[in-house]
Protein backbone atom coordinates (compact mmCIF):
# COMPACT_ATOMS: atom_id res chain seq x y z
CA MET A 1 -15.37 -19.69 7.76
CA SER A 2 -16.92 -16.68 6.02
CA GLU A 3 -18.62 -16.92 2.64
CA GLU A 4 -16.33 -15.37 0.04
CA VAL A 5 -17.44 -12.02 -1.37
CA THR A 6 -15.91 -10.70 -4.58
CA TRP A 7 -16.02 -7.22 -6.12
CA THR A 8 -15.73 -6.14 -9.73
CA GLN A 9 -12.67 -4.13 -10.72
CA GLU A 10 -14.92 -1.10 -11.20
CA LYS A 11 -16.22 -1.41 -7.63
CA ILE A 12 -12.70 -1.83 -6.26
CA GLU A 13 -11.51 1.34 -8.00
CA SER A 14 -14.54 3.29 -6.80
CA PHE A 15 -13.91 2.08 -3.25
CA GLN A 16 -10.27 3.16 -3.42
CA ASP A 17 -11.20 6.59 -4.77
CA ASP A 18 -13.77 7.24 -2.04
CA LEU A 19 -11.51 6.07 0.79
CA LEU A 20 -8.47 8.01 -0.45
CA ALA A 21 -10.47 11.19 -1.07
CA TRP A 22 -11.72 11.05 2.50
CA TYR A 23 -8.21 10.46 3.83
CA HIS A 24 -6.64 13.29 1.87
CA HIS A 25 -9.24 15.65 3.32
CA GLU A 26 -9.58 14.26 6.86
CA LYS A 27 -6.26 12.63 7.75
CA ARG A 28 -4.95 13.17 11.24
CA ASP A 29 -2.07 15.60 11.70
CA LEU A 30 0.59 13.39 13.29
CA PRO A 31 4.32 14.14 13.70
CA TRP A 32 5.49 10.97 11.97
CA ARG A 33 3.48 11.95 8.88
CA GLU A 34 5.59 15.03 8.28
CA SER A 35 7.64 12.92 5.88
CA THR A 36 7.78 9.37 4.53
CA ASP A 37 11.22 8.78 6.09
CA PRO A 38 11.28 5.01 6.77
CA TYR A 39 13.01 5.49 10.13
CA ARG A 40 10.23 7.76 11.40
CA VAL A 41 7.58 5.36 10.06
CA TRP A 42 9.30 2.42 11.77
CA VAL A 43 9.66 4.13 15.16
CA SER A 44 6.06 5.35 15.17
CA GLU A 45 4.59 1.99 14.18
CA ILE A 46 6.51 0.12 16.88
CA MET A 47 5.44 2.68 19.48
CA LEU A 48 1.80 2.50 18.38
CA GLN A 49 1.56 -1.21 19.10
CA GLN A 50 -0.74 -1.59 22.15
CA THR A 51 -0.52 2.19 22.74
CA GLN A 52 -2.88 5.06 21.90
CA VAL A 53 -1.82 7.81 19.49
CA VAL A 54 -2.19 10.60 22.07
CA THR A 55 0.22 8.75 24.38
CA VAL A 56 2.76 8.05 21.66
CA ILE A 57 3.19 11.61 20.32
CA PRO A 58 5.46 13.00 23.10
CA TYR A 59 7.42 9.73 23.24
CA PHE A 60 7.96 9.83 19.48
CA ASN A 61 9.14 13.45 19.52
CA ARG A 62 11.60 12.78 22.35
CA PHE A 63 12.86 9.57 20.75
CA MET A 64 13.60 11.33 17.47
CA GLU A 65 15.35 14.11 19.36
CA TRP A 66 17.54 11.69 21.32
CA PHE A 67 18.16 9.24 18.46
CA PRO A 68 17.70 11.18 15.18
CA THR A 69 19.23 8.48 12.95
CA ILE A 70 19.34 4.72 12.72
CA GLU A 71 23.03 4.87 13.59
CA ASP A 72 22.26 6.89 16.74
CA LEU A 73 19.77 4.22 17.78
CA ALA A 74 22.27 1.44 17.09
CA ASN A 75 24.90 3.11 19.28
CA ALA A 76 22.60 4.19 22.12
CA GLU A 77 23.40 3.18 25.69
CA GLU A 78 20.81 0.78 27.06
CA ASP A 79 19.90 2.93 30.08
CA LYS A 80 19.14 5.93 27.87
CA LEU A 81 17.26 3.73 25.41
CA LEU A 82 15.06 2.27 28.14
CA LYS A 83 14.55 5.72 29.65
CA ALA A 84 13.24 6.94 26.28
CA TRP A 85 10.77 4.03 26.32
CA GLU A 86 9.86 4.28 30.02
CA GLY A 87 6.09 4.04 30.42
CA LEU A 88 5.34 2.54 27.01
CA GLY A 89 5.79 -1.02 28.25
CA TYR A 90 6.72 -4.12 26.24
CA TYR A 91 10.40 -3.21 26.51
CA SER A 92 11.45 -6.04 24.21
CA ARG A 93 10.14 -3.84 21.39
CA VAL A 94 12.80 -1.17 21.83
CA ARG A 95 15.52 -3.74 22.44
CA ASN A 96 14.54 -5.42 19.17
CA MET A 97 14.63 -2.01 17.48
CA GLN A 98 18.21 -1.46 18.58
CA HIS A 99 19.15 -4.95 17.40
CA ALA A 100 17.56 -4.20 14.00
CA ALA A 101 19.33 -0.82 13.85
CA LYS A 102 22.66 -2.57 14.36
CA GLU A 103 21.73 -4.99 11.56
CA MET A 104 21.03 -2.04 9.27
CA VAL A 105 24.34 -0.38 10.13
CA GLU A 106 26.25 -3.60 9.46
CA THR A 107 24.34 -4.82 6.39
CA PHE A 108 22.45 -1.92 4.79
CA ASP A 109 24.81 1.05 5.23
CA GLY A 110 22.75 2.40 8.14
CA LYS A 111 19.57 2.65 6.06
CA MET A 112 16.24 0.87 6.01
CA PRO A 113 16.28 -1.73 3.21
CA GLN A 114 13.80 -1.17 0.40
CA THR A 115 12.45 -4.65 -0.37
CA ILE A 116 9.76 -6.28 1.73
CA GLU A 117 11.90 -9.42 2.10
CA ASP A 118 14.82 -7.47 3.57
CA ILE A 119 12.56 -5.34 5.78
CA LEU A 120 10.92 -8.46 7.23
CA SER A 121 14.34 -10.01 7.86
CA LEU A 122 15.05 -7.39 10.57
CA LYS A 123 14.49 -8.34 14.19
CA GLY A 124 11.16 -7.23 15.63
CA ILE A 125 9.59 -6.34 12.27
CA GLY A 126 6.60 -8.51 11.41
CA PRO A 127 4.05 -8.41 8.57
CA TYR A 128 2.13 -5.40 9.91
CA THR A 129 5.14 -3.16 10.60
CA GLY A 130 6.86 -4.35 7.43
CA GLY A 131 3.76 -3.55 5.40
CA ALA A 132 3.51 -0.10 6.95
CA ILE A 133 7.16 0.73 6.27
CA GLY A 134 7.12 -0.76 2.79
CA SER A 135 3.92 0.95 1.68
CA ILE A 136 4.40 4.37 3.31
CA ALA A 137 8.13 4.83 2.75
CA PHE A 138 8.68 2.92 -0.50
CA SER A 139 5.19 2.70 -2.12
CA LEU A 140 5.23 -1.10 -2.04
CA PRO A 141 1.69 -2.55 -2.41
CA GLU A 142 1.90 -4.36 0.93
CA PRO A 143 -1.00 -4.53 3.44
CA ALA A 144 -0.49 -3.28 7.00
CA ILE A 145 -3.08 -5.32 8.86
CA ASP A 146 -3.67 -4.42 12.51
CA GLY A 147 -6.75 -4.49 14.73
CA ASN A 148 -8.20 -1.38 13.08
CA VAL A 149 -7.91 -2.86 9.60
CA MET A 150 -9.37 -6.21 10.62
CA ARG A 151 -12.31 -4.43 12.23
CA VAL A 152 -12.97 -2.38 9.07
CA TYR A 153 -12.72 -5.36 6.73
CA SER A 154 -14.68 -7.73 8.96
CA ARG A 155 -17.59 -5.26 8.70
CA LEU A 156 -16.98 -4.39 5.08
CA PHE A 157 -17.33 -8.05 4.02
CA CYS A 158 -19.12 -9.52 7.10
CA LEU A 159 -16.15 -11.78 7.83
CA SER A 160 -16.94 -14.08 10.74
CA ASP A 161 -13.43 -15.53 11.07
CA ASP A 162 -12.07 -15.25 14.63
CA ILE A 163 -9.48 -12.45 14.55
CA ALA A 164 -7.83 -13.86 17.69
CA LEU A 165 -6.55 -16.83 15.66
CA PRO A 166 -3.21 -16.34 13.86
CA LYS A 167 -4.45 -18.18 10.75
CA THR A 168 -7.19 -15.57 10.26
CA ARG A 169 -4.65 -12.98 9.18
CA LYS A 170 -4.32 -14.80 5.83
CA VAL A 171 -8.05 -14.25 5.23
CA PHE A 172 -7.74 -10.50 5.79
CA ASP A 173 -4.49 -10.35 3.83
CA LYS A 174 -6.31 -11.73 0.80
CA TYR A 175 -9.17 -9.22 1.00
CA VAL A 176 -6.90 -6.22 1.58
CA ARG A 177 -4.51 -7.17 -1.26
CA GLU A 178 -7.42 -7.54 -3.67
CA THR A 179 -8.87 -4.13 -2.84
CA MET A 180 -5.90 -1.92 -1.95
CA SER A 181 -4.57 0.90 -4.10
CA GLN A 182 -1.53 -0.06 -6.18
CA THR A 183 -0.61 3.57 -6.84
CA GLU A 184 -1.04 4.98 -3.30
CA PRO A 185 -0.57 1.98 -1.00
CA GLY A 186 0.84 4.05 1.86
CA ASP A 187 -2.07 6.47 1.93
CA PHE A 188 -4.49 3.57 1.50
CA ASN A 189 -3.11 1.77 4.57
CA GLN A 190 -3.08 4.95 6.63
CA ALA A 191 -6.64 5.71 5.52
CA LEU A 192 -7.75 2.34 6.91
CA MET A 193 -5.89 3.05 10.16
CA ASP A 194 -7.56 6.44 10.53
CA LEU A 195 -10.96 5.08 9.57
CA GLY A 196 -10.75 2.37 12.22
CA ALA A 197 -9.51 4.81 14.85
CA THR A 198 -12.06 7.58 14.26
CA ILE A 199 -15.18 6.21 12.52
CA CYS A 200 -15.27 2.41 12.38
CA THR A 201 -14.61 2.19 16.12
CA PRO A 202 -15.03 -0.93 18.28
CA THR A 203 -18.27 0.33 19.82
CA LYS A 204 -20.84 2.73 18.40
CA PRO A 205 -19.25 3.16 14.94
CA SER A 206 -20.29 6.31 13.06
CA CYS A 207 -21.71 4.43 10.10
CA GLU A 208 -23.70 7.38 8.73
CA THR A 209 -20.58 9.51 8.26
CA CYS A 210 -18.40 6.69 6.97
CA PRO A 211 -16.91 7.39 3.50
CA ILE A 212 -17.22 3.73 2.48
CA LYS A 213 -20.66 2.96 3.93
CA HIS A 214 -22.09 2.20 0.47
CA TYR A 215 -19.66 -0.73 0.16
CA CYS A 216 -20.19 -2.12 3.67
CA GLU A 217 -22.13 -5.36 4.06
CA ALA A 218 -22.53 -4.84 7.83
CA LYS A 219 -24.04 -1.39 7.22
CA LYS A 220 -26.55 -2.88 4.78
CA THR A 221 -27.61 -5.55 7.27
CA ASP A 222 -27.29 -3.36 10.39
CA THR A 223 -24.87 -5.87 11.96
CA ALA A 224 -21.75 -3.75 12.57
CA SER A 225 -21.87 -4.50 16.30
CA SER A 226 -21.46 -8.22 15.52
CA TYR A 227 -18.02 -7.70 13.97
CA PRO A 228 -15.23 -8.43 14.36
CA VAL A 229 -15.58 -11.92 15.85
CA LYS A 230 -13.05 -12.46 18.60
CA LYS A 231 -12.87 -15.08 21.30
CA LYS A 232 -12.37 -13.87 24.86
CA LYS A 233 -8.83 -13.62 26.13
CA GLU A 234 -7.74 -15.89 28.93
CA LYS A 235 -7.57 -14.20 32.31
CA ALA A 236 -4.14 -12.99 33.32
CA LYS A 237 -2.41 -15.23 35.86
CA PRO A 238 -2.32 -13.52 39.30
CA LEU A 239 1.08 -13.14 40.98
CA TYR A 240 1.63 -11.71 44.46
CA TYR A 241 4.48 -9.59 45.81
CA VAL A 242 5.56 -7.48 48.74
CA ALA A 243 7.57 -4.40 47.78
CA ASP A 244 9.60 -2.75 50.53
CA VAL A 245 10.21 0.96 50.19
CA ILE A 246 13.31 0.97 52.38
CA ARG A 247 14.39 4.42 53.54
CA ASN A 248 17.57 5.02 55.53
CA LYS A 249 18.31 7.71 58.11
CA THR A 250 19.62 10.11 55.44
CA GLY A 251 16.37 9.88 53.47
CA ALA A 252 17.68 7.75 50.59
CA PHE A 253 15.69 4.81 49.22
CA LEU A 254 16.98 1.38 48.30
CA LEU A 255 16.61 0.52 44.60
CA GLU A 256 17.34 -2.85 43.06
CA LYS A 257 18.17 -3.61 39.44
CA ARG A 258 16.23 -6.52 37.98
CA PRO A 259 18.06 -9.44 36.30
CA GLU A 260 19.28 -9.18 32.71
CA ASP A 261 16.83 -11.84 31.57
CA GLY A 262 13.08 -12.05 31.99
CA LEU A 263 10.31 -9.53 32.52
CA LEU A 264 11.38 -5.87 33.00
CA SER A 265 15.03 -6.86 32.61
CA ASN A 266 17.68 -4.34 33.73
CA MET A 267 15.06 -1.94 35.12
CA TRP A 268 15.00 -0.53 38.65
CA THR A 269 12.40 -1.16 41.36
CA PHE A 270 12.08 -1.14 45.11
CA PRO A 271 13.12 -4.57 46.43
CA MET A 272 10.31 -7.04 45.74
CA ARG A 273 9.72 -10.56 47.01
CA ASP A 274 7.15 -12.96 45.60
CA VAL A 275 4.78 -14.50 48.14
CA THR A 276 1.94 -16.97 48.05
CA LYS A 277 -1.63 -15.74 47.81
CA GLU A 278 -2.20 -17.01 51.37
CA ASP A 279 0.72 -15.00 52.78
CA TYR A 280 -0.29 -11.96 50.70
CA ASP A 281 -3.86 -12.11 52.04
CA ARG A 282 -2.55 -12.58 55.60
CA LEU A 283 -0.33 -9.52 55.31
CA VAL A 284 -3.16 -7.40 53.89
CA ALA A 285 -5.40 -8.52 56.75
CA SER A 286 -2.67 -7.73 59.29
CA TYR A 287 -2.42 -4.16 58.08
CA ASP A 288 -6.16 -3.72 57.99
CA SER A 289 -6.48 -4.98 61.55
CA VAL A 290 -3.86 -2.70 63.10
CA GLU A 291 -4.78 0.86 64.02
CA LYS A 292 -3.14 3.53 61.83
CA LYS A 293 -2.15 0.73 59.45
CA GLU A 294 1.14 0.22 61.25
CA LEU A 295 2.56 -3.27 61.31
CA GLN A 296 4.56 -4.70 64.17
CA VAL A 297 8.12 -5.55 63.23
CA ALA A 298 7.45 -9.20 64.03
CA GLU A 299 5.09 -9.40 61.03
CA GLN A 300 7.72 -9.37 58.31
CA LEU A 301 7.21 -12.78 56.74
CA SER A 302 11.00 -13.25 57.11
CA LEU A 303 11.46 -11.34 53.88
CA TYR A 304 14.75 -9.83 54.94
CA GLU A 305 15.87 -12.25 57.61
CA GLU A 306 18.79 -13.41 55.49
CA GLU A 307 19.91 -9.80 54.98
CA LYS A 308 19.71 -8.89 58.68
CA ILE A 309 18.00 -5.58 57.99
CA ASP A 310 17.21 -3.78 61.24
CA ILE A 311 13.72 -2.38 60.71
CA LYS A 312 12.72 0.44 63.03
CA GLU A 313 9.24 1.04 61.65
CA LYS A 314 6.91 -0.38 58.98
CA GLN A 315 3.79 1.14 57.54
CA LEU A 316 1.52 0.42 54.64
CA LEU A 317 1.71 2.72 51.62
CA GLY A 318 -0.95 0.89 49.65
CA ILE A 319 -1.57 -1.77 47.05
CA VAL A 320 -0.54 -1.61 43.40
CA THR A 321 -1.93 -3.80 40.64
CA HIS A 322 -0.58 -3.99 37.12
CA ILE A 323 -1.65 -6.18 34.21
CA PHE A 324 0.90 -7.49 31.74
CA SER A 325 -0.20 -9.49 28.70
CA HIS A 326 -0.58 -12.82 30.53
CA ARG A 327 -0.10 -12.00 34.18
CA LYS A 328 -1.43 -9.63 36.80
CA TRP A 329 0.77 -8.35 39.60
CA HIS A 330 -0.68 -7.67 43.03
CA VAL A 331 1.90 -5.72 45.03
CA LEU A 332 1.61 -4.83 48.71
CA VAL A 333 3.77 -1.72 49.11
CA VAL A 334 5.29 -1.23 52.55
CA GLU A 335 7.58 1.56 53.73
CA ASP A 336 10.45 0.58 55.99
CA LEU A 337 12.50 3.00 58.07
CA LEU A 338 15.88 1.58 59.07
CA ARG A 339 17.46 1.99 62.47
CA ASP A 340 20.93 1.91 60.96
CA THR A 341 22.14 2.68 57.45
CA ASP A 342 25.28 0.56 57.84
CA ARG A 343 24.50 -2.63 55.92
CA GLU A 344 26.21 -4.66 53.27
CA MET A 345 24.68 -3.91 49.86
CA LEU A 346 23.57 -6.76 47.71
CA GLU A 347 24.64 -6.87 44.07
CA LYS A 348 22.84 -4.32 41.86
CA GLN A 349 21.44 -2.34 44.77
CA LYS A 350 21.83 1.41 45.33
CA TRP A 351 20.76 4.07 47.81
CA VAL A 352 19.02 6.74 45.75
CA TYR A 353 17.39 10.01 46.81
CA GLN A 354 13.92 10.74 45.51
CA GLU A 355 15.08 13.73 43.48
CA GLU A 356 17.41 11.35 41.59
CA PHE A 357 14.66 8.89 40.61
CA ASP A 358 14.32 10.38 37.13
CA GLN A 359 17.86 9.20 36.36
CA TYR A 360 16.78 5.57 36.63
CA VAL A 361 14.58 3.51 34.31
CA PHE A 362 11.39 2.55 36.13
CA PRO A 363 8.80 0.11 34.79
CA LYS A 364 5.14 1.02 35.15
CA PRO A 365 4.59 -0.92 38.43
CA GLN A 366 7.51 0.97 39.99
CA GLN A 367 6.10 4.30 38.81
CA LYS A 368 2.83 3.41 40.53
CA MET A 369 4.74 2.60 43.73
CA VAL A 370 6.55 5.92 43.58
CA ASP A 371 3.19 7.66 43.19
CA LEU A 372 2.02 5.96 46.41
CA LEU A 373 5.19 7.12 48.15
CA LYS A 374 4.75 10.73 47.01
CA LYS A 375 1.13 10.71 48.13
CA SER A 376 2.18 9.41 51.55
CA MET A 377 4.90 12.05 51.92
CA ASN A 378 2.48 14.85 50.98
CA ASN A 379 -0.10 13.82 53.56
């Protein structure tokens, strides 16, 4: 637990003035800052979770073009909604957004509510997003505490509390509330975001150019690199798959829609089967041991025995890895050429030509598999 540091009211006001003056002069030019429209603030803040600003900008612009109002978002078809989010990951975020939009249409006349209690009642909106919306759109003196803000304040006050622990947020909430601007809370929160993103960075912070260096305890003691304190994340659990890029005689590829529940729900991928690490390693070794990386039809691990798929040829496209929050996928990607296209389709399967891929919502692992396929076809 950190030793409590308190500031005089005069010091707090001086700190606010210096931080806000810097922000008003140096703030980043971002499309969602063109207005304080709560819908734009909400969409941008959800997109920015676990995603860099430069990545979010084109997604934000397209999203606002496709769904310009809360009502448009509430009424959007799921396929189009997921397509707008394709590549951002964490698809539950956009599903929660649509759920919240429907709540606003039903309960708040299609508008974002204006009290922090009502904002936080909406699905998918937690303290950080609620604080951002409340402060930026409605000038509510609510903190918006994310990783950037915790990094700034941990250095500002030399807070040694572990930021990986949920209970630590209360510590930072107290310090931010005591020092934040009551008259410009939105600009204050955005100033902290920008400061953490551009100056008070995780490594090699630019302390000499920092507008609040005279208030920073870590600067005084030359200990910025020691903050914030964060325990190491647990390693992601490894999972192993074989993905079959099945191509028929007409050149179409077999796509399969994932179940409605679970990870990457209702998204499209090449057919995938989970395998043990031992079988995965054996398959990798089999490809590596065969000249030209071609695999005999006998080495199929009975993946499609129950479907009676007549494989004419198999060859390795490559290996894809993808890390989710708590798991890591290892996917052996194999291309299969069928002898005969006449087969009974399983539920939620389609033959799709490559030029039609952009009409389907692909998760990031599938996009990586398609990249392997394109590379193979261009060679």
